Amino acid sequence: MADSPPLRYYPPSGPAAEAARAGGFTLPFSAAVQVGDVLYLSGQIGALADGSLPDGIEAQARQAMANVGAVLAEAGLGFGDVFHCLVMLADMADWQAFNRVYLEHFDPERLPARSAFAASGLALGARVEIECRAYAGGAG
């Protein structure tokens, strides 16, 4: 049997954990898990430090991206290491507004692969949730 790749778990922290505590529950997932050279991030919504959601898609998108950035930083990575994103929107009419914020975080010559779809409901009534995968070769 081949050796299994090392796993590293990053527990929920920051706004996501605060939102859960404010709601009286514990998050049933890790913020990220590193398997070999890939960091798999759980979906991030635009929760603020107090667990609340800002008004509007652009504010929530900006905070969701900040929350993704915080998880990446905890693993010693940044947006330049992200190679895939999955975006869930409460309303596909928000797609262009989300894209404006999203594009602020990536080199336009090195955009991650991405999928986006509408979801009938996101955690805590969020307008957007984003999950990513990042190359972690040499990190951690």
N, C-alpha and C. Protein backbone atom coordinates (compact mmCIF):
# COMPACT_ATOMS: atom_id res chain seq x y z
N MET A 1 0.84 -1.19 0.00
CA MET A 1 0.00 0.00 0.00
C MET A 1 0.89 1.25 0.00
N ALA A 2 0.59 2.16 -0.89
CA ALA A 2 1.37 3.40 -0.99
C ALA A 2 1.13 4.28 0.22
N ASP A 3 2.15 5.08 0.54
CA ASP A 3 2.00 6.03 1.64
C ASP A 3 0.93 7.05 1.30
N SER A 4 0.11 7.38 2.27
CA SER A 4 -0.90 8.42 2.09
C SER A 4 -0.24 9.78 2.17
N PRO A 5 -0.72 10.76 1.39
CA PRO A 5 -0.14 12.09 1.51
C PRO A 5 -0.45 12.68 2.88
N PRO A 6 0.43 13.52 3.39
CA PRO A 6 0.15 14.15 4.68
C PRO A 6 -1.05 15.09 4.58
N LEU A 7 -1.84 15.10 5.60
CA LEU A 7 -3.00 15.98 5.68
C LEU A 7 -2.76 17.04 6.75
N ARG A 8 -3.19 18.25 6.47
CA ARG A 8 -3.13 19.32 7.47
C ARG A 8 -4.49 19.99 7.49
N TYR A 9 -5.07 20.11 8.67
CA TYR A 9 -6.40 20.69 8.83
C TYR A 9 -6.30 22.10 9.41
N TYR A 10 -7.07 23.01 8.85
CA TYR A 10 -7.14 24.39 9.35
C TYR A 10 -8.54 24.58 9.92
N PRO A 11 -8.67 24.67 11.24
CA PRO A 11 -10.01 24.80 11.84
C PRO A 11 -10.66 26.14 11.50
N PRO A 12 -11.98 26.18 11.55
CA PRO A 12 -12.67 27.46 11.31
C PRO A 12 -12.21 28.51 12.30
N SER A 13 -12.01 29.72 11.80
CA SER A 13 -11.65 30.85 12.65
C SER A 13 -12.17 32.11 11.99
N GLY A 14 -12.00 33.22 12.64
CA GLY A 14 -12.41 34.50 12.06
C GLY A 14 -13.91 34.62 11.91
N PRO A 15 -14.35 35.36 10.88
CA PRO A 15 -15.77 35.67 10.71
C PRO A 15 -16.68 34.45 10.62
N ALA A 16 -16.24 33.39 9.94
CA ALA A 16 -17.09 32.21 9.81
C ALA A 16 -17.36 31.58 11.18
N ALA A 17 -16.32 31.46 11.98
CA ALA A 17 -16.49 30.88 13.31
C ALA A 17 -17.34 31.80 14.19
N GLU A 18 -17.14 33.12 14.07
CA GLU A 18 -17.95 34.07 14.85
C GLU A 18 -19.42 34.00 14.44
N ALA A 19 -19.69 33.87 13.16
CA ALA A 19 -21.07 33.75 12.70
C ALA A 19 -21.72 32.51 13.29
N ALA A 20 -20.98 31.42 13.34
CA ALA A 20 -21.51 30.19 13.91
C ALA A 20 -21.78 30.36 15.40
N ARG A 21 -20.81 30.94 16.12
CA ARG A 21 -21.01 31.16 17.56
C ARG A 21 -22.22 32.06 17.83
N ALA A 22 -22.36 33.10 16.99
CA ALA A 22 -23.51 34.01 17.16
C ALA A 22 -24.82 33.27 16.95
N GLY A 23 -24.80 32.27 16.09
CA GLY A 23 -25.99 31.47 15.83
C GLY A 23 -26.15 30.31 16.80
N GLY A 24 -25.21 30.15 17.71
CA GLY A 24 -25.30 29.11 18.72
C GLY A 24 -24.92 27.72 18.22
N PHE A 25 -24.07 27.64 17.19
CA PHE A 25 -23.67 26.32 16.69
C PHE A 25 -22.18 26.31 16.36
N THR A 26 -21.66 25.12 16.15
CA THR A 26 -20.27 24.91 15.76
C THR A 26 -20.24 24.52 14.29
N LEU A 27 -19.30 25.06 13.55
CA LEU A 27 -19.19 24.72 12.14
C LEU A 27 -18.75 23.26 11.99
N PRO A 28 -19.45 22.49 11.15
CA PRO A 28 -19.14 21.06 11.02
C PRO A 28 -18.11 20.76 9.93
N PHE A 29 -17.14 21.64 9.74
CA PHE A 29 -16.14 21.45 8.69
C PHE A 29 -14.89 22.26 9.03
N SER A 30 -13.80 21.93 8.36
CA SER A 30 -12.55 22.69 8.48
C SER A 30 -12.60 23.88 7.53
N ALA A 31 -11.90 24.95 7.86
CA ALA A 31 -11.81 26.09 6.95
C ALA A 31 -11.05 25.69 5.70
N ALA A 32 -10.08 24.78 5.86
CA ALA A 32 -9.31 24.27 4.72
C ALA A 32 -8.63 22.98 5.15
N VAL A 33 -8.31 22.17 4.15
CA VAL A 33 -7.54 20.95 4.38
C VAL A 33 -6.49 20.89 3.28
N GLN A 34 -5.23 20.70 3.70
CA GLN A 34 -4.16 20.54 2.72
C GLN A 34 -3.88 19.06 2.55
N VAL A 35 -3.92 18.60 1.30
CA VAL A 35 -3.59 17.23 0.95
C VAL A 35 -2.44 17.31 -0.05
N GLY A 36 -1.27 16.92 0.37
CA GLY A 36 -0.12 17.05 -0.50
C GLY A 36 0.11 18.50 -0.86
N ASP A 37 0.16 18.78 -2.16
CA ASP A 37 0.43 20.13 -2.63
C ASP A 37 -0.82 20.97 -2.91
N VAL A 38 -1.99 20.48 -2.51
CA VAL A 38 -3.23 21.21 -2.78
C VAL A 38 -3.93 21.58 -1.47
N LEU A 39 -4.30 22.85 -1.36
CA LEU A 39 -5.10 23.34 -0.24
C LEU A 39 -6.53 23.47 -0.73
N TYR A 40 -7.44 22.75 -0.11
CA TYR A 40 -8.87 22.79 -0.43
C TYR A 40 -9.55 23.69 0.60
N LEU A 41 -10.09 24.82 0.15
CA LEU A 41 -10.77 25.74 1.04
C LEU A 41 -12.26 25.45 1.05
N SER A 42 -12.85 25.45 2.23
CA SER A 42 -14.30 25.36 2.34
C SER A 42 -14.90 26.66 1.83
N GLY A 43 -16.17 26.63 1.48
CA GLY A 43 -16.84 27.83 1.00
C GLY A 43 -16.80 28.94 2.04
N GLN A 44 -16.58 30.15 1.57
CA GLN A 44 -16.57 31.33 2.43
C GLN A 44 -17.69 32.26 1.99
N ILE A 45 -18.45 32.72 2.96
CA ILE A 45 -19.47 33.74 2.70
C ILE A 45 -18.91 35.08 3.18
N GLY A 46 -19.65 36.13 2.98
CA GLY A 46 -19.18 37.47 3.33
C GLY A 46 -19.45 37.87 4.76
N ALA A 47 -19.32 36.93 5.70
CA ALA A 47 -19.57 37.25 7.11
C ALA A 47 -18.49 38.19 7.65
N LEU A 48 -18.94 39.20 8.37
CA LEU A 48 -18.04 40.14 9.04
C LEU A 48 -17.54 39.53 10.35
N ALA A 49 -16.61 40.20 11.01
CA ALA A 49 -16.02 39.69 12.25
C ALA A 49 -17.06 39.42 13.34
N ASP A 50 -18.18 40.15 13.32
CA ASP A 50 -19.22 39.93 14.33
C ASP A 50 -20.23 38.89 13.90
N GLY A 51 -20.01 38.26 12.74
CA GLY A 51 -20.91 37.22 12.26
C GLY A 51 -22.04 37.72 11.39
N SER A 52 -22.17 39.03 11.26
CA SER A 52 -23.26 39.57 10.43
C SER A 52 -22.83 39.63 8.96
N LEU A 53 -23.80 39.83 8.10
CA LEU A 53 -23.54 39.97 6.67
C LEU A 53 -23.77 41.42 6.27
N PRO A 54 -22.84 42.01 5.51
CA PRO A 54 -23.08 43.38 5.03
C PRO A 54 -24.20 43.37 3.99
N ASP A 55 -24.76 44.53 3.72
CA ASP A 55 -25.83 44.65 2.73
C ASP A 55 -25.26 44.68 1.32
N GLY A 56 -25.91 43.97 0.42
CA GLY A 56 -25.58 44.05 -0.99
C GLY A 56 -24.53 43.06 -1.46
N ILE A 57 -24.62 42.71 -2.73
CA ILE A 57 -23.72 41.71 -3.31
C ILE A 57 -22.27 42.19 -3.32
N GLU A 58 -22.01 43.44 -3.67
CA GLU A 58 -20.61 43.88 -3.75
C GLU A 58 -19.94 43.86 -2.38
N ALA A 59 -20.62 44.31 -1.36
CA ALA A 59 -20.06 44.29 0.00
C ALA A 59 -19.85 42.86 0.48
N GLN A 60 -20.80 41.98 0.20
CA GLN A 60 -20.65 40.58 0.61
C GLN A 60 -19.55 39.90 -0.19
N ALA A 61 -19.45 40.20 -1.49
CA ALA A 61 -18.40 39.61 -2.32
C ALA A 61 -17.03 40.06 -1.81
N ARG A 62 -16.91 41.34 -1.51
CA ARG A 62 -15.64 41.88 -1.03
C ARG A 62 -15.23 41.18 0.28
N GLN A 63 -16.19 41.00 1.18
CA GLN A 63 -15.88 40.36 2.46
C GLN A 63 -15.62 38.87 2.28
N ALA A 64 -16.36 38.21 1.39
CA ALA A 64 -16.11 36.79 1.13
C ALA A 64 -14.69 36.60 0.60
N MET A 65 -14.27 37.47 -0.31
CA MET A 65 -12.91 37.38 -0.85
C MET A 65 -11.88 37.66 0.25
N ALA A 66 -12.17 38.60 1.14
CA ALA A 66 -11.27 38.86 2.27
C ALA A 66 -11.18 37.62 3.16
N ASN A 67 -12.30 36.95 3.36
CA ASN A 67 -12.30 35.74 4.19
C ASN A 67 -11.50 34.62 3.53
N VAL A 68 -11.63 34.48 2.20
CA VAL A 68 -10.80 33.52 1.46
C VAL A 68 -9.33 33.88 1.66
N GLY A 69 -9.01 35.17 1.51
CA GLY A 69 -7.63 35.63 1.68
C GLY A 69 -7.07 35.31 3.06
N ALA A 70 -7.91 35.42 4.09
CA ALA A 70 -7.46 35.12 5.45
C ALA A 70 -7.13 33.64 5.61
N VAL A 71 -7.93 32.76 5.03
CA VAL A 71 -7.65 31.32 5.10
C VAL A 71 -6.38 31.01 4.33
N LEU A 72 -6.23 31.59 3.14
CA LEU A 72 -5.01 31.40 2.36
C LEU A 72 -3.79 31.85 3.17
N ALA A 73 -3.87 33.02 3.79
CA ALA A 73 -2.75 33.56 4.56
C ALA A 73 -2.38 32.65 5.73
N GLU A 74 -3.39 32.07 6.36
CA GLU A 74 -3.12 31.16 7.47
C GLU A 74 -2.27 29.97 7.01
N ALA A 75 -2.43 29.59 5.74
CA ALA A 75 -1.66 28.49 5.18
C ALA A 75 -0.37 28.97 4.50
N GLY A 76 -0.08 30.27 4.62
CA GLY A 76 1.12 30.82 4.01
C GLY A 76 1.00 31.03 2.51
N LEU A 77 -0.23 31.18 2.02
CA LEU A 77 -0.50 31.33 0.59
C LEU A 77 -1.20 32.65 0.30
N GLY A 78 -1.42 32.93 -0.97
CA GLY A 78 -2.13 34.13 -1.38
C GLY A 78 -2.97 33.84 -2.61
N PHE A 79 -3.64 34.85 -3.12
CA PHE A 79 -4.52 34.66 -4.28
C PHE A 79 -3.75 34.18 -5.52
N GLY A 80 -2.48 34.50 -5.62
CA GLY A 80 -1.68 34.03 -6.74
C GLY A 80 -1.49 32.52 -6.77
N ASP A 81 -1.77 31.86 -5.65
CA ASP A 81 -1.65 30.40 -5.56
C ASP A 81 -2.95 29.68 -5.92
N VAL A 82 -4.03 30.42 -6.05
CA VAL A 82 -5.35 29.83 -6.32
C VAL A 82 -5.42 29.41 -7.79
N PHE A 83 -5.83 28.16 -8.02
CA PHE A 83 -5.95 27.69 -9.41
C PHE A 83 -7.38 27.30 -9.79
N HIS A 84 -8.30 27.25 -8.82
CA HIS A 84 -9.69 26.92 -9.13
C HIS A 84 -10.62 27.54 -8.10
N CYS A 85 -11.75 28.07 -8.56
CA CYS A 85 -12.78 28.61 -7.67
C CYS A 85 -14.15 28.11 -8.11
N LEU A 86 -15.01 27.94 -7.14
CA LEU A 86 -16.42 27.61 -7.38
C LEU A 86 -17.23 28.70 -6.70
N VAL A 87 -18.07 29.38 -7.47
CA VAL A 87 -18.85 30.51 -6.95
C VAL A 87 -20.33 30.13 -6.95
N MET A 88 -20.96 30.31 -5.80
CA MET A 88 -22.40 30.09 -5.67
C MET A 88 -23.06 31.42 -5.39
N LEU A 89 -24.01 31.78 -6.21
CA LEU A 89 -24.72 33.05 -6.08
C LEU A 89 -26.19 32.79 -5.74
N ALA A 90 -26.73 33.60 -4.86
CA ALA A 90 -28.16 33.49 -4.55
C ALA A 90 -29.00 33.90 -5.75
N ASP A 91 -28.44 34.73 -6.61
CA ASP A 91 -29.16 35.22 -7.80
C ASP A 91 -28.14 35.45 -8.92
N MET A 92 -28.31 34.78 -10.04
CA MET A 92 -27.36 34.94 -11.15
C MET A 92 -27.35 36.36 -11.69
N ALA A 93 -28.35 37.16 -11.37
CA ALA A 93 -28.34 38.57 -11.77
C ALA A 93 -27.18 39.32 -11.11
N ASP A 94 -26.60 38.74 -10.05
CA ASP A 94 -25.47 39.35 -9.33
C ASP A 94 -24.12 38.98 -9.94
N TRP A 95 -24.11 38.19 -11.02
CA TRP A 95 -22.88 37.65 -11.60
C TRP A 95 -21.89 38.75 -11.98
N GLN A 96 -22.33 39.78 -12.69
CA GLN A 96 -21.41 40.84 -13.11
C GLN A 96 -20.89 41.65 -11.93
N ALA A 97 -21.75 41.94 -10.97
CA ALA A 97 -21.31 42.68 -9.78
C ALA A 97 -20.28 41.87 -9.00
N PHE A 98 -20.51 40.57 -8.89
CA PHE A 98 -19.53 39.71 -8.21
C PHE A 98 -18.21 39.73 -8.97
N ASN A 99 -18.27 39.59 -10.29
CA ASN A 99 -17.05 39.55 -11.10
C ASN A 99 -16.19 40.79 -10.93
N ARG A 100 -16.82 41.95 -10.80
CA ARG A 100 -16.04 43.18 -10.61
C ARG A 100 -15.16 43.09 -9.36
N VAL A 101 -15.72 42.57 -8.29
CA VAL A 101 -14.96 42.43 -7.04
C VAL A 101 -13.94 41.29 -7.17
N TYR A 102 -14.36 40.18 -7.70
CA TYR A 102 -13.51 39.00 -7.86
C TYR A 102 -12.22 39.34 -8.61
N LEU A 103 -12.37 40.06 -9.71
CA LEU A 103 -11.22 40.37 -10.57
C LEU A 103 -10.19 41.27 -9.90
N GLU A 104 -10.57 41.98 -8.84
CA GLU A 104 -9.63 42.82 -8.09
C GLU A 104 -8.56 41.98 -7.38
N HIS A 105 -8.81 40.69 -7.20
CA HIS A 105 -7.95 39.84 -6.38
C HIS A 105 -6.99 38.96 -7.18
N PHE A 106 -7.08 38.99 -8.51
CA PHE A 106 -6.27 38.09 -9.33
C PHE A 106 -5.56 38.85 -10.44
N ASP A 107 -4.41 38.32 -10.83
CA ASP A 107 -3.68 38.81 -11.99
C ASP A 107 -4.52 38.47 -13.22
N PRO A 108 -4.87 39.45 -14.06
CA PRO A 108 -5.72 39.16 -15.21
C PRO A 108 -5.09 38.20 -16.22
N GLU A 109 -3.78 38.00 -16.13
CA GLU A 109 -3.09 37.06 -17.02
C GLU A 109 -3.04 35.64 -16.44
N ARG A 110 -3.47 35.51 -15.17
CA ARG A 110 -3.40 34.19 -14.50
C ARG A 110 -4.67 33.94 -13.69
N LEU A 111 -5.81 34.05 -14.32
CA LEU A 111 -7.08 33.82 -13.62
C LEU A 111 -7.27 32.34 -13.34
N PRO A 112 -7.80 32.00 -12.17
CA PRO A 112 -8.08 30.59 -11.86
C PRO A 112 -9.18 30.04 -12.77
N ALA A 113 -9.18 28.73 -12.96
CA ALA A 113 -10.35 28.08 -13.57
C ALA A 113 -11.52 28.33 -12.62
N ARG A 114 -12.75 28.41 -13.17
CA ARG A 114 -13.87 28.77 -12.30
C ARG A 114 -15.18 28.27 -12.84
N SER A 115 -16.06 27.93 -11.94
CA SER A 115 -17.46 27.63 -12.24
C SER A 115 -18.31 28.52 -11.36
N ALA A 116 -19.51 28.84 -11.84
CA ALA A 116 -20.45 29.64 -11.04
C ALA A 116 -21.85 29.13 -11.31
N PHE A 117 -22.66 29.10 -10.26
CA PHE A 117 -24.06 28.72 -10.43
C PHE A 117 -24.93 29.39 -9.38
N ALA A 118 -26.21 29.42 -9.66
CA ALA A 118 -27.17 29.97 -8.70
C ALA A 118 -27.57 28.88 -7.71
N ALA A 119 -27.70 29.25 -6.47
CA ALA A 119 -28.13 28.33 -5.41
C ALA A 119 -29.43 28.85 -4.82
N SER A 120 -30.33 27.96 -4.48
CA SER A 120 -31.63 28.41 -3.96
C SER A 120 -31.54 28.91 -2.53
N GLY A 121 -30.43 28.68 -1.87
CA GLY A 121 -30.25 29.19 -0.52
C GLY A 121 -28.82 28.97 -0.07
N LEU A 122 -28.22 30.00 0.50
CA LEU A 122 -26.85 29.90 1.02
C LEU A 122 -26.89 30.12 2.53
N ALA A 123 -25.85 29.67 3.21
CA ALA A 123 -25.77 29.78 4.66
C ALA A 123 -26.03 31.21 5.14
N LEU A 124 -26.81 31.33 6.19
CA LEU A 124 -27.11 32.59 6.86
C LEU A 124 -27.76 33.64 5.93
N GLY A 125 -28.30 33.19 4.81
CA GLY A 125 -28.94 34.13 3.89
C GLY A 125 -27.94 34.91 3.05
N ALA A 126 -26.72 34.40 2.91
CA ALA A 126 -25.69 35.08 2.13
C ALA A 126 -26.10 35.21 0.67
N ARG A 127 -25.54 36.21 -0.01
CA ARG A 127 -25.76 36.43 -1.45
C ARG A 127 -24.74 35.67 -2.28
N VAL A 128 -23.57 35.33 -1.68
CA VAL A 128 -22.50 34.67 -2.41
C VAL A 128 -21.70 33.77 -1.46
N GLU A 129 -21.21 32.67 -2.01
CA GLU A 129 -20.27 31.80 -1.30
C GLU A 129 -19.23 31.37 -2.33
N ILE A 130 -17.98 31.34 -1.93
CA ILE A 130 -16.90 30.96 -2.84
C ILE A 130 -15.99 29.97 -2.16
N GLU A 131 -15.69 28.89 -2.88
CA GLU A 131 -14.70 27.94 -2.39
C GLU A 131 -13.58 27.86 -3.42
N CYS A 132 -12.37 27.60 -2.95
CA CYS A 132 -11.20 27.63 -3.82
C CYS A 132 -10.28 26.47 -3.55
N ARG A 133 -9.41 26.23 -4.53
CA ARG A 133 -8.30 25.30 -4.39
C ARG A 133 -7.03 26.08 -4.73
N ALA A 134 -6.00 25.83 -3.95
CA ALA A 134 -4.75 26.55 -4.16
C ALA A 134 -3.57 25.57 -4.16
N TYR A 135 -2.55 25.90 -4.95
CA TYR A 135 -1.32 25.13 -4.97
C TYR A 135 -0.51 25.48 -3.74
N ALA A 136 -0.16 24.47 -2.97
CA ALA A 136 0.56 24.69 -1.72
C ALA A 136 1.92 24.01 -1.72
N GLY A 137 2.46 23.75 -2.89
CA GLY A 137 3.78 23.12 -2.96
C GLY A 137 4.82 23.96 -2.25
N GLY A 138 5.45 23.38 -1.28
CA GLY A 138 6.47 24.11 -0.53
C GLY A 138 5.93 24.90 0.65
N ALA A 139 4.60 25.05 0.77
CA ALA A 139 4.01 25.79 1.91
C ALA A 139 3.71 24.81 3.03
N GLY A 140 3.65 25.37 4.24
CA GLY A 140 3.24 24.58 5.39
C GLY A 140 4.26 23.57 5.75
